[in-house]
C-alpha atoms as a PDB file:
ATOM      1  CA  MET A   1     -79.014  88.356  18.951  1.00  0.00           C
ATOM      2  CA  HIS A   2     -78.138  84.943  20.368  1.00  0.00           C
ATOM      3  CA  GLU A   3     -77.802  82.376  17.559  1.00  0.00           C
ATOM      4  CA  THR A   4     -80.096  79.747  19.127  1.00  0.00           C
ATOM      5  CA  ALA A   5     -82.088  81.535  21.838  1.00  0.00           C
ATOM      6  CA  GLY A   6     -82.886  84.708  19.879  1.00  0.00           C
ATOM      7  CA  ILE A   7     -83.939  87.724  21.930  1.00  0.00           C
ATOM      8  CA  VAL A   8     -84.553  85.601  25.034  1.00  0.00           C
ATOM      9  CA  ARG A   9     -80.834  86.065  25.740  1.00  0.00           C
ATOM     10  CA  VAL A  10     -80.783  89.852  26.088  1.00  0.00           C
ATOM     11  CA  ASP A  11     -77.072  89.747  26.916  1.00  0.00           C
ATOM     12  CA  ALA A  12     -76.448  88.888  23.243  1.00  0.00           C
ATOM     13  CA  CYS A  13     -78.915  91.399  21.741  1.00  0.00           C
ATOM     14  CA  GLY A  14     -76.863  94.556  22.105  1.00  0.00           C
ATOM     15  CA  ALA A  15     -78.684  97.712  21.047  1.00  0.00           C
ATOM     16  CA  LEU A  16     -81.603  95.716  19.598  1.00  0.00           C
ATOM     17  CA  VAL A  17     -83.431  95.697  22.939  1.00  0.00           C
ATOM     18  CA  LEU A  18     -82.796  99.280  24.047  1.00  0.00           C
ATOM     19  CA  PRO A  19     -86.033 101.204  24.692  1.00  0.00           C
ATOM     20  CA  ILE A  20     -85.124 103.969  22.263  1.00  0.00           C
ATOM     21  CA  THR A  21     -87.084 105.898  19.665  1.00  0.00           C
ATOM     22  CA  GLY A  22     -85.677 108.311  17.156  1.00  0.00           C
ATOM     23  CA  PRO A  23     -82.685 108.352  14.858  1.00  0.00           C
ATOM     24  CA  VAL A  24     -79.253 106.864  15.402  1.00  0.00           C
ATOM     25  CA  ARG A  25     -76.676 109.587  16.133  1.00  0.00           C
ATOM     26  CA  ALA A  26     -73.499 107.598  15.451  1.00  0.00           C
ATOM     27  CA  ILE A  27     -72.236 104.082  14.703  1.00  0.00           C
ATOM     28  CA  THR A  28     -68.665 102.834  15.152  1.00  0.00           C
ATOM     29  CA  ALA A  29     -67.147  99.363  15.188  1.00  0.00           C
ATOM     30  CA  THR A  30     -67.812  99.058  18.940  1.00  0.00           C
ATOM     31  CA  GLU A  31     -70.739 101.360  19.767  1.00  0.00           C
ATOM     32  CA  ILE A  32     -74.033 102.785  18.578  1.00  0.00           C
ATOM     33  CA  ALA A  33     -75.510 106.033  19.898  1.00  0.00           C
ATOM     34  CA  PHE A  34     -79.226 106.893  20.047  1.00  0.00           C
ATOM     35  CA  GLY A  35     -80.391 110.192  21.498  1.00  0.00           C
ATOM     36  CA  HIS A  36     -78.851 110.358  24.972  1.00  0.00           C
ATOM     37  CA  LEU A  37     -77.930 106.627  25.243  1.00  0.00           C
ATOM     38  CA  THR A  38     -74.901 104.800  23.842  1.00  0.00           C
ATOM     39  CA  HIS A  39     -74.528 101.018  23.683  1.00  0.00           C
ATOM     40  CA  ARG A  40     -70.906  99.849  23.780  1.00  0.00           C
ATOM     41  CA  GLU A  41     -69.421  96.434  23.078  1.00  0.00           C
ATOM     42  CA  LYS A  42     -68.185  94.896  26.313  1.00  0.00           C
ATOM     43  CA  PRO A  43     -65.248  92.480  26.497  1.00  0.00           C
ATOM     44  CA  GLY A  44     -66.421  88.976  27.366  1.00  0.00           C
ATOM     45  CA  GLN A  45     -70.016  89.480  26.190  1.00  0.00           C
ATOM     46  CA  PRO A  46     -71.510  86.625  24.157  1.00  0.00           C
ATOM     47  CA  GLN A  47     -71.106  87.153  20.420  1.00  0.00           C
ATOM     48  CA  GLY A  48     -74.471  87.557  18.722  1.00  0.00           C
ATOM     49  CA  ILE A  49     -75.564  87.245  15.114  1.00  0.00           C
ATOM     50  CA  PRO A  50     -77.483  89.726  12.950  1.00  0.00           C
ATOM     51  CA  TRP A  51     -81.264  89.379  13.426  1.00  0.00           C
ATOM     52  CA  TRP A  52     -81.753  88.564   9.742  1.00  0.00           C
ATOM     53  CA  GLU A  53     -79.651  85.397  10.150  1.00  0.00           C
ATOM     54  CA  PHE A  54     -81.632  84.051  13.125  1.00  0.00           C
ATOM     55  CA  GLY A  55     -83.333  80.734  12.355  1.00  0.00           C
ATOM     56  CA  ARG A  56     -81.360  79.908   9.212  1.00  0.00           C
END
């Protein structure tokens, strides 16, 4: 997520905001796959932080 705006900046949330239920199928350094959807890292996207570090 975005380090100061949190989930308001969905462009920095990655797979966190995908409307997905069910287990994760695969995780690599640049993508995460859920069911029939895959979220991939895109060059030039804002770099987010892990949700557990937000607000520290």
